[in-house]
Amino acid sequence: MVLKNHGLLALGGTVRDAFMLMYNFEQSCRIQVDALAAGRDRITLIANSTIERTRSQVNRPREHRDWPALLRMLDRRGADFRS
C-alpha cells in the first residue's frame, strides 16, 4: 500500500514475508523513479511474453534461504532487533 505523504506499508503472514514484500515494493518504486527521471520517451516496455515467462520463473516455491542471510547480516552489524 502507498500512503500519501507517509510512504509504503506492507503486511505479511510472517516477518520474513512482510520484509520481502516491502523490499521488493521499494525496489520497484526506485526503479520506476529512476526510469522516469531518464525521460518517458527513453523507456522501452518489455514484451508481454517476456513478462509472463519471468513471472513463471519467479513465482515458484522457494526455500527461504534469503531470510537467514539477512538475519546474519543484522547480527554482524550489531543491530538490536531481537528484543
Protein backbone atom coordinates (compact mmCIF):
# COMPACT_ATOMS: atom_id res chain seq x y z
CA MET A 1 0.00 0.00 0.00
CA VAL A 2 1.22 3.52 -0.75
CA LEU A 3 0.19 6.00 1.93
CA LYS A 4 0.01 9.58 0.70
CA ASN A 5 2.74 11.61 2.44
CA HIS A 6 3.62 8.63 4.68
CA GLY A 7 5.46 6.14 2.47
CA LEU A 8 4.95 2.44 1.91
CA LEU A 9 3.18 -0.19 4.00
CA ALA A 10 3.35 -3.96 3.61
CA LEU A 11 1.82 -6.79 5.64
CA GLY A 12 2.67 -10.46 5.51
CA GLY A 13 1.90 -13.74 7.20
CA THR A 14 5.37 -13.69 8.77
CA VAL A 15 8.01 -11.05 9.42
CA ARG A 16 10.02 -12.52 6.54
CA ASP A 17 7.06 -12.25 4.14
CA ALA A 18 6.36 -8.66 5.16
CA PHE A 19 10.02 -7.71 4.80
CA MET A 20 10.37 -9.28 1.35
CA LEU A 21 7.16 -7.63 0.13
CA MET A 22 8.38 -4.24 1.40
CA TYR A 23 11.86 -4.73 -0.04
CA ASN A 24 10.56 -5.68 -3.49
CA PHE A 25 7.97 -2.87 -3.39
CA GLU A 26 10.61 -0.27 -2.52
CA GLN A 27 12.98 -1.55 -5.20
CA SER A 28 10.18 -1.36 -7.78
CA CYS A 29 9.45 2.24 -6.80
CA ARG A 30 13.13 3.18 -7.03
CA ILE A 31 13.43 1.61 -10.48
CA GLN A 32 10.31 3.42 -11.69
CA VAL A 33 11.53 6.81 -10.38
CA ASP A 34 14.96 6.28 -11.98
CA ALA A 35 13.39 5.26 -15.29
CA LEU A 36 11.06 8.27 -15.31
CA ALA A 37 13.98 10.57 -14.45
CA ALA A 38 15.63 9.44 -17.70
CA GLY A 39 12.59 10.64 -19.63
CA ARG A 40 9.39 8.88 -20.64
CA ASP A 41 10.44 8.80 -24.30
CA ARG A 42 13.50 6.68 -23.38
CA ILE A 43 11.57 3.91 -21.59
CA THR A 44 11.25 0.65 -23.52
CA LEU A 45 8.37 -1.58 -22.42
CA ILE A 46 9.00 -5.31 -22.06
CA ALA A 47 7.03 -7.72 -24.26
CA ASN A 48 4.12 -9.49 -22.53
CA SER A 49 5.63 -12.90 -23.37
CA THR A 50 8.82 -11.95 -21.50
CA ILE A 51 6.82 -10.73 -18.52
CA GLU A 52 4.85 -14.00 -18.33
CA ARG A 53 7.99 -16.15 -18.65
CA THR A 54 9.69 -14.19 -15.89
CA ARG A 55 6.60 -14.42 -13.68
CA SER A 56 6.53 -18.21 -14.05
CA GLN A 57 10.20 -18.39 -13.04
CA VAL A 58 9.91 -16.05 -10.06
CA ASN A 59 6.61 -17.27 -8.60
CA ARG A 60 7.83 -20.76 -7.79
CA PRO A 61 8.23 -22.06 -4.23
CA ARG A 62 11.49 -21.10 -2.56
CA GLU A 63 13.35 -22.48 0.40
CA HIS A 64 13.65 -19.04 2.02
CA ARG A 65 17.44 -19.03 2.08
CA ASP A 66 17.44 -15.25 1.94
CA TRP A 67 15.93 -14.70 5.40
CA PRO A 68 18.68 -16.41 7.47
CA ALA A 69 21.28 -14.48 5.45
CA LEU A 70 19.55 -11.18 6.24
CA LEU A 71 19.42 -12.05 9.94
CA ARG A 72 23.16 -12.88 9.94
CA MET A 73 23.86 -9.53 8.28
CA LEU A 74 21.93 -7.71 11.02
CA ASP A 75 23.80 -9.68 13.69
CA ARG A 76 27.16 -8.69 12.15
CA ARG A 77 26.10 -5.04 12.15
CA GLY A 78 25.19 -5.27 15.82
CA ALA A 79 21.58 -4.31 15.18
CA ASP A 80 19.39 -4.71 18.25
CA PHE A 81 16.33 -6.21 16.63
CA ARG A 82 15.80 -9.41 18.65
CA SER A 83 14.41 -7.82 21.81
